[in-house]
Protein backbone atom coordinates (compact mmCIF):
# COMPACT_ATOMS: atom_id res chain seq x y z
CA UNK A 1 100.84 97.64 73.45
CA UNK A 2 98.88 100.39 73.95
CA UNK A 3 96.83 98.61 77.07
CA UNK A 4 99.70 97.85 78.82
CA UNK A 5 101.13 101.28 78.89
CA UNK A 6 97.42 102.13 80.23
CA UNK A 7 97.55 99.45 82.94
CA UNK A 8 100.93 100.39 84.11
CA UNK A 9 100.12 103.62 84.39
CA UNK A 10 97.00 102.56 86.15
CA UNK A 11 98.78 100.32 88.35
CA UNK A 12 101.47 103.36 89.05
CA UNK A 13 99.10 105.94 89.68
CA UNK A 14 97.59 103.83 92.55
CA UNK A 15 100.92 103.57 94.11
CA UNK A 16 100.82 107.00 94.10
CA UNK A 17 97.47 107.34 95.64
CA UNK A 18 98.49 105.48 98.15
CA UNK A 19 101.39 107.50 98.90
CA UNK A 20 99.84 110.81 99.17
CA UNK A 21 97.12 109.24 101.50
CA UNK A 22 99.66 107.83 103.79
CA UNK A 23 101.84 110.76 103.98
CA UNK A 24 98.36 112.49 104.91
CA UNK A 25 98.03 109.65 107.45
CA UNK A 26 101.00 109.90 108.92
CA UNK A 27 100.93 113.73 109.18
CA UNK A 28 97.74 113.46 110.80
CA UNK A 29 99.56 110.63 113.28
CA UNK A 30 103.10 112.61 114.09
CA UNK A 31 101.29 116.34 113.82
CA UNK A 32 97.99 115.85 116.32
CA UNK A 33 97.79 112.75 117.76
CA UNK A 34 101.81 113.13 118.71
CA UNK A 35 102.51 109.57 118.07
CA UNK A 36 106.54 109.22 117.51
CA UNK A 37 107.81 109.29 114.06
CA UNK A 38 109.50 106.56 112.66
CA UNK A 39 110.29 105.14 109.09
CA UNK A 40 108.36 102.00 110.52
CA UNK A 41 105.30 104.02 111.14
CA UNK A 42 105.80 105.44 107.40
CA UNK A 43 105.69 102.21 106.03
CA UNK A 44 102.92 101.18 107.92
CA UNK A 45 101.05 104.39 107.23
CA UNK A 46 101.77 103.43 102.99
CA UNK A 47 100.53 99.82 103.52
CA UNK A 48 97.59 101.33 105.67
CA UNK A 49 96.68 103.61 102.73
CA UNK A 50 97.41 101.11 100.04
CA UNK A 51 95.00 97.91 101.88
CA UNK A 52 92.02 101.05 101.74
CA UNK A 53 92.58 101.98 97.95
CA UNK A 54 92.63 98.18 97.41
CA UNK A 55 89.24 97.61 99.35
CA UNK A 56 87.77 100.61 97.94
CA UNK A 57 88.34 99.75 94.39
CA UNK A 58 87.01 96.31 94.78
CA UNK A 59 83.73 97.47 96.67
CA UNK A 60 80.67 95.69 96.09
CA UNK A 61 78.76 98.18 96.07
């Protein structure tokens, strides 16, 4: 049972990390780059940051 709780917490931490990186990306896009803020942009930022985290996590290096 302890391993299951650890795995759940690890997956939640990855989702939270993707959220933090996505918020940073959204702020950069909306602020200095002047992209119009929208829910679609927020979702794309979150998905892009989640994909980045998965790529970094499964790096062959």
